[in-house]
Amino acid sequence: MITVNGEKQEYKKVTVLEFLKTAGYRLETVAVEINEEIVSKRTYETTYLCDEDKIEIIHFVGGG
């Protein structure tokens, strides 16, 4: 199990990039934190989610 934005989810070994794409997130409008550490967008392809990870996905919203 992993926790995403406070909700438990089934765990599958994927990269951050694969997870975001599968979940339908727009890469250009999110930031990802795993276990209270910000993940650089440059490492989304090589950073794997692990069992018990706590993931926060923050959406940026533009406007005025």
N, C-alpha and C. Protein backbone atom coordinates (compact mmCIF):
# COMPACT_ATOMS: atom_id res chain seq x y z
N MET A 1 0.84 -1.19 0.00
CA MET A 1 0.00 0.00 0.00
C MET A 1 0.88 1.26 0.00
N ILE A 2 0.40 2.25 -0.70
CA ILE A 2 0.99 3.58 -0.63
C ILE A 2 -0.12 4.54 -0.21
N THR A 3 0.27 5.71 0.23
CA THR A 3 -0.70 6.73 0.59
C THR A 3 -0.52 7.90 -0.36
N VAL A 4 -1.59 8.28 -1.05
CA VAL A 4 -1.55 9.40 -1.99
C VAL A 4 -2.52 10.45 -1.50
N ASN A 5 -1.99 11.62 -1.17
CA ASN A 5 -2.80 12.73 -0.66
C ASN A 5 -3.73 12.27 0.47
N GLY A 6 -3.16 11.46 1.36
CA GLY A 6 -3.89 11.03 2.55
C GLY A 6 -4.77 9.81 2.38
N GLU A 7 -4.86 9.26 1.17
CA GLU A 7 -5.71 8.09 0.92
C GLU A 7 -4.87 6.88 0.55
N LYS A 8 -5.15 5.74 1.20
CA LYS A 8 -4.44 4.49 0.91
C LYS A 8 -4.81 3.99 -0.48
N GLN A 9 -3.81 3.50 -1.20
CA GLN A 9 -4.03 2.93 -2.52
C GLN A 9 -3.20 1.66 -2.64
N GLU A 10 -3.67 0.77 -3.51
CA GLU A 10 -2.89 -0.44 -3.80
C GLU A 10 -1.55 -0.03 -4.38
N TYR A 11 -0.55 -0.79 -4.08
CA TYR A 11 0.81 -0.48 -4.49
C TYR A 11 1.21 -1.32 -5.69
N LYS A 12 1.82 -0.68 -6.67
CA LYS A 12 2.39 -1.35 -7.82
C LYS A 12 3.70 -0.65 -8.13
N LYS A 13 4.76 -1.42 -8.34
CA LYS A 13 6.08 -0.80 -8.56
C LYS A 13 6.12 -0.11 -9.92
N VAL A 14 6.02 1.22 -9.88
CA VAL A 14 6.08 2.05 -11.08
C VAL A 14 6.91 3.28 -10.76
N THR A 15 7.32 3.96 -11.80
CA THR A 15 8.03 5.23 -11.60
C THR A 15 7.01 6.32 -11.29
N VAL A 16 7.50 7.43 -10.79
CA VAL A 16 6.62 8.58 -10.54
C VAL A 16 5.96 9.00 -11.85
N LEU A 17 6.72 9.01 -12.93
CA LEU A 17 6.18 9.42 -14.23
C LEU A 17 5.05 8.48 -14.65
N GLU A 18 5.25 7.17 -14.55
CA GLU A 18 4.21 6.22 -14.92
C GLU A 18 2.96 6.39 -14.05
N PHE A 19 3.17 6.59 -12.76
CA PHE A 19 2.04 6.78 -11.85
C PHE A 19 1.23 8.02 -12.24
N LEU A 20 1.92 9.13 -12.46
CA LEU A 20 1.22 10.38 -12.80
C LEU A 20 0.45 10.25 -14.10
N LYS A 21 1.06 9.65 -15.12
CA LYS A 21 0.39 9.49 -16.40
C LYS A 21 -0.83 8.58 -16.27
N THR A 22 -0.67 7.46 -15.58
CA THR A 22 -1.77 6.52 -15.40
C THR A 22 -2.93 7.14 -14.64
N ALA A 23 -2.60 7.98 -13.65
CA ALA A 23 -3.62 8.61 -12.83
C ALA A 23 -4.24 9.85 -13.50
N GLY A 24 -3.69 10.25 -14.65
CA GLY A 24 -4.28 11.35 -15.41
C GLY A 24 -3.82 12.74 -15.00
N TYR A 25 -2.70 12.83 -14.29
CA TYR A 25 -2.19 14.15 -13.89
C TYR A 25 -1.47 14.82 -15.05
N ARG A 26 -1.58 16.14 -15.11
CA ARG A 26 -0.83 16.93 -16.10
C ARG A 26 0.53 17.27 -15.49
N LEU A 27 1.60 16.78 -16.08
CA LEU A 27 2.94 16.92 -15.53
C LEU A 27 3.35 18.37 -15.32
N GLU A 28 2.88 19.24 -16.19
CA GLU A 28 3.31 20.63 -16.10
C GLU A 28 2.61 21.42 -14.99
N THR A 29 1.59 20.81 -14.36
CA THR A 29 0.86 21.55 -13.33
C THR A 29 0.90 20.90 -11.95
N VAL A 30 1.83 19.96 -11.75
CA VAL A 30 1.91 19.30 -10.44
C VAL A 30 3.34 19.31 -9.91
N ALA A 31 3.43 19.17 -8.60
CA ALA A 31 4.70 18.92 -7.92
C ALA A 31 4.46 17.68 -7.07
N VAL A 32 5.50 16.88 -6.90
CA VAL A 32 5.37 15.62 -6.17
C VAL A 32 6.33 15.61 -4.98
N GLU A 33 5.79 15.16 -3.87
CA GLU A 33 6.58 14.98 -2.65
C GLU A 33 6.42 13.53 -2.21
N ILE A 34 7.52 12.85 -1.93
CA ILE A 34 7.47 11.48 -1.43
C ILE A 34 8.17 11.47 -0.08
N ASN A 35 7.44 11.02 0.92
CA ASN A 35 7.97 10.94 2.29
C ASN A 35 8.60 12.27 2.73
N GLU A 36 7.87 13.34 2.45
CA GLU A 36 8.24 14.71 2.84
C GLU A 36 9.48 15.26 2.13
N GLU A 37 9.84 14.67 0.98
CA GLU A 37 10.95 15.15 0.16
C GLU A 37 10.42 15.47 -1.23
N ILE A 38 10.70 16.68 -1.72
CA ILE A 38 10.25 17.06 -3.06
C ILE A 38 11.04 16.26 -4.09
N VAL A 39 10.33 15.76 -5.09
CA VAL A 39 10.95 14.99 -6.16
C VAL A 39 11.14 15.91 -7.36
N SER A 40 12.36 15.99 -7.85
CA SER A 40 12.65 16.81 -9.02
C SER A 40 11.99 16.21 -10.25
N LYS A 41 11.41 17.06 -11.09
CA LYS A 41 10.78 16.57 -12.32
C LYS A 41 11.78 15.81 -13.18
N ARG A 42 13.06 16.17 -13.09
CA ARG A 42 14.09 15.48 -13.88
C ARG A 42 14.23 14.02 -13.49
N THR A 43 13.79 13.67 -12.27
CA THR A 43 13.97 12.29 -11.81
C THR A 43 12.66 11.49 -11.80
N TYR A 44 11.59 12.04 -12.33
CA TYR A 44 10.31 11.31 -12.36
C TYR A 44 10.45 9.95 -13.06
N GLU A 45 11.27 9.89 -14.12
CA GLU A 45 11.43 8.65 -14.89
C GLU A 45 12.23 7.59 -14.16
N THR A 46 13.04 7.99 -13.20
CA THR A 46 13.94 7.03 -12.53
C THR A 46 13.61 6.82 -11.06
N THR A 47 12.64 7.55 -10.54
CA THR A 47 12.24 7.40 -9.14
C THR A 47 11.05 6.45 -9.06
N TYR A 48 11.25 5.34 -8.34
CA TYR A 48 10.19 4.34 -8.21
C TYR A 48 9.43 4.53 -6.90
N LEU A 49 8.12 4.28 -6.97
CA LEU A 49 7.31 4.27 -5.76
C LEU A 49 7.58 2.97 -5.02
N CYS A 50 7.64 3.04 -3.71
CA CYS A 50 7.92 1.88 -2.88
C CYS A 50 6.77 1.66 -1.90
N ASP A 51 6.64 0.43 -1.46
CA ASP A 51 5.62 0.08 -0.48
C ASP A 51 5.75 0.98 0.74
N GLU A 52 4.63 1.48 1.22
CA GLU A 52 4.53 2.36 2.38
C GLU A 52 4.93 3.81 2.12
N ASP A 53 5.22 4.19 0.86
CA ASP A 53 5.53 5.59 0.56
C ASP A 53 4.31 6.45 0.85
N LYS A 54 4.58 7.67 1.29
CA LYS A 54 3.54 8.69 1.49
C LYS A 54 3.78 9.76 0.43
N ILE A 55 2.84 9.87 -0.49
CA ILE A 55 2.99 10.75 -1.64
C ILE A 55 1.99 11.89 -1.55
N GLU A 56 2.49 13.08 -1.79
CA GLU A 56 1.61 14.26 -1.87
C GLU A 56 1.78 14.82 -3.27
N ILE A 57 0.67 15.05 -3.93
CA ILE A 57 0.68 15.64 -5.26
C ILE A 57 0.00 16.99 -5.16
N ILE A 58 0.76 18.02 -5.48
CA ILE A 58 0.26 19.39 -5.34
C ILE A 58 -0.02 19.93 -6.74
N HIS A 59 -1.25 20.46 -6.93
CA HIS A 59 -1.66 21.04 -8.21
C HIS A 59 -1.45 22.54 -8.17
N PHE A 60 -0.87 23.07 -9.25
CA PHE A 60 -0.73 24.51 -9.38
C PHE A 60 -1.90 25.01 -10.22
N VAL A 61 -2.47 26.11 -9.78
CA VAL A 61 -3.62 26.69 -10.47
C VAL A 61 -3.28 28.13 -10.81
N GLY A 62 -3.44 28.49 -12.08
CA GLY A 62 -3.20 29.85 -12.50
C GLY A 62 -4.48 30.65 -12.48
N GLY A 63 -4.35 31.91 -12.58
CA GLY A 63 -5.54 32.74 -12.64
C GLY A 63 -5.23 34.15 -12.21
N GLY A 64 -6.24 34.89 -12.10
CA GLY A 64 -6.00 36.27 -11.70
C GLY A 64 -7.26 36.96 -11.33
